[in-house]
Amino acid sequence: MKRNGNVAYTCKYHVVWCPKYRRKVLSEEVAVRLKAIVAEVAQEAASDILELEVMPDHVHLLCEADPQFGIARSVATVGGAPLAVIKRYIEEQKNR
């Protein structure tokens, strides 16, 4: 359990994402760079990476995020898209 001011928390998230059409494009070279980027973003977003596994066609991330910042800050940053774009994308997926 972690503490932030007067709040004790344990907020763990399992995030999975994959390339478009689940193409197997996440080679070993890409995995090395992706892990470095995820570590940098986690540090900036006050999140801890508990597990990170890069497969050829998808990525698993288990992380713990400070509730003050939330998981959206970490995931939106990793994806590189603004939150509004992500929300619009999710809405479009519902209508398919």
N, C-alpha and C. Protein backbone atom coordinates (compact mmCIF):
# COMPACT_ATOMS: atom_id res chain seq x y z
N MET A 1 0.85 -1.17 0.00
CA MET A 1 0.00 0.00 0.00
C MET A 1 0.90 1.24 0.00
N LYS A 2 0.51 2.21 -0.81
CA LYS A 2 1.26 3.46 -0.90
C LYS A 2 0.46 4.59 -0.27
N ARG A 3 1.15 5.67 0.01
CA ARG A 3 0.49 6.82 0.60
C ARG A 3 0.80 8.07 -0.22
N ASN A 4 -0.20 8.95 -0.28
CA ASN A 4 -0.07 10.22 -0.96
C ASN A 4 -0.76 11.25 -0.06
N GLY A 5 0.02 12.00 0.67
CA GLY A 5 -0.57 12.94 1.63
C GLY A 5 -1.30 12.17 2.71
N ASN A 6 -2.60 12.34 2.79
CA ASN A 6 -3.37 11.64 3.81
C ASN A 6 -4.19 10.48 3.23
N VAL A 7 -3.85 10.03 2.01
CA VAL A 7 -4.58 8.97 1.34
C VAL A 7 -3.69 7.74 1.19
N ALA A 8 -4.24 6.59 1.58
CA ALA A 8 -3.56 5.32 1.34
C ALA A 8 -4.26 4.67 0.15
N TYR A 9 -3.48 4.14 -0.78
CA TYR A 9 -4.10 3.58 -1.97
C TYR A 9 -3.31 2.39 -2.51
N THR A 10 -4.00 1.61 -3.30
CA THR A 10 -3.39 0.56 -4.11
C THR A 10 -4.27 0.41 -5.36
N CYS A 11 -3.91 1.13 -6.40
CA CYS A 11 -4.67 1.15 -7.65
C CYS A 11 -3.83 0.51 -8.74
N LYS A 12 -4.13 -0.75 -9.02
CA LYS A 12 -3.38 -1.49 -10.03
C LYS A 12 -4.25 -1.68 -11.27
N TYR A 13 -3.63 -1.58 -12.44
CA TYR A 13 -4.36 -1.67 -13.70
C TYR A 13 -3.64 -2.63 -14.64
N HIS A 14 -4.41 -3.43 -15.34
CA HIS A 14 -3.89 -4.30 -16.40
C HIS A 14 -4.34 -3.68 -17.71
N VAL A 15 -3.39 -3.22 -18.49
CA VAL A 15 -3.68 -2.55 -19.75
C VAL A 15 -3.12 -3.41 -20.88
N VAL A 16 -3.95 -3.64 -21.90
CA VAL A 16 -3.51 -4.40 -23.06
C VAL A 16 -3.78 -3.55 -24.29
N TRP A 17 -2.79 -3.45 -25.16
CA TRP A 17 -3.03 -2.78 -26.42
C TRP A 17 -2.31 -3.53 -27.53
N CYS A 18 -2.80 -3.32 -28.75
CA CYS A 18 -2.23 -4.05 -29.88
C CYS A 18 -2.19 -3.16 -31.12
N PRO A 19 -1.31 -3.49 -32.05
CA PRO A 19 -1.25 -2.75 -33.32
C PRO A 19 -2.52 -2.98 -34.13
N LYS A 20 -2.77 -2.09 -35.05
CA LYS A 20 -3.94 -2.22 -35.92
C LYS A 20 -3.93 -3.58 -36.61
N TYR A 21 -5.07 -4.20 -36.63
CA TYR A 21 -5.26 -5.54 -37.20
C TYR A 21 -4.40 -6.61 -36.52
N ARG A 22 -3.91 -6.28 -35.35
CA ARG A 22 -3.06 -7.20 -34.57
C ARG A 22 -1.89 -7.74 -35.39
N ARG A 23 -1.36 -6.88 -36.22
CA ARG A 23 -0.19 -7.26 -37.02
C ARG A 23 0.99 -7.53 -36.11
N LYS A 24 1.80 -8.48 -36.47
CA LYS A 24 2.97 -8.87 -35.66
C LYS A 24 4.17 -7.98 -36.01
N VAL A 25 4.10 -6.75 -35.55
CA VAL A 25 5.13 -5.76 -35.87
C VAL A 25 6.02 -5.40 -34.67
N LEU A 26 5.72 -5.96 -33.52
CA LEU A 26 6.48 -5.61 -32.32
C LEU A 26 7.68 -6.54 -32.19
N SER A 27 8.69 -6.28 -33.01
CA SER A 27 9.93 -7.08 -33.02
C SER A 27 10.74 -6.81 -31.76
N GLU A 28 11.83 -7.52 -31.63
CA GLU A 28 12.69 -7.35 -30.45
C GLU A 28 13.24 -5.92 -30.36
N GLU A 29 13.62 -5.33 -31.49
CA GLU A 29 14.13 -3.96 -31.49
C GLU A 29 13.04 -2.97 -31.06
N VAL A 30 11.84 -3.18 -31.56
CA VAL A 30 10.72 -2.32 -31.19
C VAL A 30 10.40 -2.50 -29.71
N ALA A 31 10.45 -3.73 -29.22
CA ALA A 31 10.15 -4.02 -27.81
C ALA A 31 11.11 -3.29 -26.88
N VAL A 32 12.38 -3.26 -27.23
CA VAL A 32 13.37 -2.57 -26.40
C VAL A 32 13.04 -1.08 -26.30
N ARG A 33 12.76 -0.47 -27.44
CA ARG A 33 12.44 0.96 -27.46
C ARG A 33 11.12 1.25 -26.74
N LEU A 34 10.11 0.39 -26.97
CA LEU A 34 8.81 0.55 -26.33
C LEU A 34 8.93 0.48 -24.81
N LYS A 35 9.71 -0.46 -24.32
CA LYS A 35 9.90 -0.57 -22.86
C LYS A 35 10.55 0.68 -22.29
N ALA A 36 11.49 1.26 -23.02
CA ALA A 36 12.13 2.49 -22.56
C ALA A 36 11.13 3.64 -22.52
N ILE A 37 10.30 3.74 -23.54
CA ILE A 37 9.29 4.80 -23.59
C ILE A 37 8.28 4.63 -22.47
N VAL A 38 7.80 3.42 -22.25
CA VAL A 38 6.81 3.16 -21.20
C VAL A 38 7.41 3.50 -19.83
N ALA A 39 8.66 3.15 -19.61
CA ALA A 39 9.31 3.47 -18.33
C ALA A 39 9.41 4.97 -18.12
N GLU A 40 9.74 5.70 -19.17
CA GLU A 40 9.85 7.16 -19.09
C GLU A 40 8.49 7.79 -18.80
N VAL A 41 7.46 7.34 -19.48
CA VAL A 41 6.12 7.87 -19.28
C VAL A 41 5.62 7.54 -17.88
N ALA A 42 5.88 6.33 -17.41
CA ALA A 42 5.46 5.94 -16.06
C ALA A 42 6.09 6.84 -15.01
N GLN A 43 7.35 7.15 -15.20
CA GLN A 43 8.03 8.04 -14.25
C GLN A 43 7.39 9.43 -14.26
N GLU A 44 7.10 9.96 -15.44
CA GLU A 44 6.48 11.28 -15.55
C GLU A 44 5.07 11.30 -14.99
N ALA A 45 4.35 10.18 -15.09
CA ALA A 45 2.96 10.12 -14.65
C ALA A 45 2.82 9.59 -13.22
N ALA A 46 3.92 9.47 -12.51
CA ALA A 46 3.90 8.98 -11.12
C ALA A 46 3.26 7.60 -11.02
N SER A 47 3.59 6.72 -11.98
CA SER A 47 3.09 5.35 -11.99
C SER A 47 4.27 4.39 -11.84
N ASP A 48 3.97 3.21 -11.34
CA ASP A 48 4.99 2.17 -11.22
C ASP A 48 4.64 1.03 -12.16
N ILE A 49 5.62 0.55 -12.92
CA ILE A 49 5.43 -0.60 -13.78
C ILE A 49 5.69 -1.85 -12.95
N LEU A 50 4.67 -2.69 -12.82
CA LEU A 50 4.82 -3.94 -12.08
C LEU A 50 5.23 -5.07 -13.01
N GLU A 51 4.67 -5.09 -14.21
CA GLU A 51 5.01 -6.06 -15.24
C GLU A 51 4.82 -5.40 -16.60
N LEU A 52 5.66 -5.77 -17.55
CA LEU A 52 5.52 -5.29 -18.91
C LEU A 52 5.99 -6.39 -19.84
N GLU A 53 5.12 -6.85 -20.70
CA GLU A 53 5.45 -7.92 -21.64
C GLU A 53 5.05 -7.48 -23.04
N VAL A 54 6.02 -7.49 -23.95
CA VAL A 54 5.76 -7.12 -25.33
C VAL A 54 5.76 -8.40 -26.16
N MET A 55 4.61 -8.71 -26.73
CA MET A 55 4.45 -9.86 -27.61
C MET A 55 4.49 -9.35 -29.05
N PRO A 56 4.65 -10.21 -30.04
CA PRO A 56 4.71 -9.73 -31.44
C PRO A 56 3.48 -8.96 -31.88
N ASP A 57 2.30 -9.27 -31.30
CA ASP A 57 1.08 -8.62 -31.76
C ASP A 57 0.29 -7.90 -30.66
N HIS A 58 0.84 -7.82 -29.46
CA HIS A 58 0.17 -7.07 -28.40
C HIS A 58 1.11 -6.83 -27.22
N VAL A 59 0.68 -5.94 -26.33
CA VAL A 59 1.47 -5.56 -25.15
C VAL A 59 0.61 -5.69 -23.91
N HIS A 60 1.18 -6.27 -22.85
CA HIS A 60 0.52 -6.33 -21.55
C HIS A 60 1.31 -5.42 -20.60
N LEU A 61 0.58 -4.57 -19.89
CA LEU A 61 1.19 -3.69 -18.91
C LEU A 61 0.39 -3.80 -17.62
N LEU A 62 1.08 -4.13 -16.54
CA LEU A 62 0.48 -4.10 -15.21
C LEU A 62 1.17 -2.97 -14.48
N CYS A 63 0.39 -1.99 -14.06
CA CYS A 63 0.99 -0.83 -13.41
C CYS A 63 0.15 -0.38 -12.22
N GLU A 64 0.78 0.41 -11.39
CA GLU A 64 0.10 1.01 -10.25
C GLU A 64 0.18 2.52 -10.43
N ALA A 65 -0.98 3.16 -10.37
CA ALA A 65 -1.05 4.60 -10.61
C ALA A 65 -1.58 5.33 -9.38
N ASP A 66 -1.03 6.48 -9.13
CA ASP A 66 -1.50 7.35 -8.06
C ASP A 66 -2.91 7.83 -8.43
N PRO A 67 -3.90 7.65 -7.56
CA PRO A 67 -5.27 8.06 -7.89
C PRO A 67 -5.39 9.57 -8.13
N GLN A 68 -4.45 10.32 -7.63
CA GLN A 68 -4.46 11.77 -7.86
C GLN A 68 -4.33 12.06 -9.36
N PHE A 69 -3.57 11.24 -10.06
CA PHE A 69 -3.36 11.44 -11.50
C PHE A 69 -4.21 10.49 -12.34
N GLY A 70 -4.47 9.29 -11.84
CA GLY A 70 -5.30 8.33 -12.55
C GLY A 70 -4.58 7.62 -13.68
N ILE A 71 -5.20 6.56 -14.13
CA ILE A 71 -4.61 5.75 -15.19
C ILE A 71 -4.72 6.42 -16.55
N ALA A 72 -5.73 7.24 -16.76
CA ALA A 72 -5.91 7.88 -18.06
C ALA A 72 -4.69 8.71 -18.45
N ARG A 73 -4.08 9.35 -17.49
CA ARG A 73 -2.90 10.16 -17.77
C ARG A 73 -1.77 9.29 -18.29
N SER A 74 -1.57 8.14 -17.68
CA SER A 74 -0.50 7.23 -18.09
C SER A 74 -0.79 6.62 -19.45
N VAL A 75 -1.97 6.09 -19.63
CA VAL A 75 -2.29 5.38 -20.86
C VAL A 75 -2.41 6.35 -22.03
N ALA A 76 -3.05 7.50 -21.82
CA ALA A 76 -3.18 8.47 -22.90
C ALA A 76 -1.81 8.97 -23.33
N THR A 77 -0.91 9.14 -22.37
CA THR A 77 0.42 9.59 -22.70
C THR A 77 1.18 8.53 -23.47
N VAL A 78 1.08 7.29 -23.04
CA VAL A 78 1.77 6.21 -23.73
C VAL A 78 1.29 6.11 -25.17
N GLY A 79 -0.01 6.23 -25.35
CA GLY A 79 -0.56 6.14 -26.70
C GLY A 79 -0.21 7.34 -27.56
N GLY A 80 0.15 8.44 -26.95
CA GLY A 80 0.55 9.63 -27.69
C GLY A 80 -0.61 10.45 -28.22
N ALA A 81 -1.84 10.04 -27.97
CA ALA A 81 -2.99 10.76 -28.48
C ALA A 81 -3.65 11.53 -27.33
N PRO A 82 -4.18 12.71 -27.62
CA PRO A 82 -4.90 13.46 -26.58
C PRO A 82 -6.13 12.68 -26.11
N LEU A 83 -6.55 12.94 -24.89
CA LEU A 83 -7.68 12.23 -24.31
C LEU A 83 -8.94 12.37 -25.16
N ALA A 84 -9.17 13.53 -25.74
CA ALA A 84 -10.36 13.74 -26.58
C ALA A 84 -10.35 12.81 -27.79
N VAL A 85 -9.20 12.59 -28.38
CA VAL A 85 -9.08 11.70 -29.53
C VAL A 85 -9.38 10.27 -29.11
N ILE A 86 -8.88 9.87 -27.96
CA ILE A 86 -9.12 8.51 -27.46
C ILE A 86 -10.60 8.31 -27.19
N LYS A 87 -11.24 9.30 -26.55
CA LYS A 87 -12.67 9.19 -26.27
C LYS A 87 -13.47 9.05 -27.57
N ARG A 88 -13.12 9.86 -28.58
CA ARG A 88 -13.82 9.78 -29.86
C ARG A 88 -13.62 8.40 -30.50
N TYR A 89 -12.42 7.88 -30.42
CA TYR A 89 -12.13 6.56 -30.98
C TYR A 89 -12.99 5.49 -30.31
N ILE A 90 -13.10 5.55 -28.99
CA ILE A 90 -13.90 4.57 -28.25
C ILE A 90 -15.36 4.67 -28.66
N GLU A 91 -15.86 5.89 -28.78
CA GLU A 91 -17.25 6.08 -29.21
C GLU A 91 -17.48 5.50 -30.60
N GLU A 92 -16.54 5.71 -31.50
CA GLU A 92 -16.66 5.17 -32.85
C GLU A 92 -16.68 3.63 -32.84
N GLN A 93 -15.93 3.03 -31.92
CA GLN A 93 -15.89 1.57 -31.83
C GLN A 93 -17.24 1.03 -31.38
N LYS A 94 -17.95 1.76 -30.53
CA LYS A 94 -19.26 1.33 -30.06
C LYS A 94 -20.25 1.26 -31.21
N ASN A 95 -20.10 2.14 -32.19
CA ASN A 95 -21.05 2.24 -33.29
C ASN A 95 -20.74 1.31 -34.46
N ARG A 96 -19.73 0.48 -34.34
CA ARG A 96 -19.36 -0.44 -35.43
C ARG A 96 -20.24 -1.64 -35.45
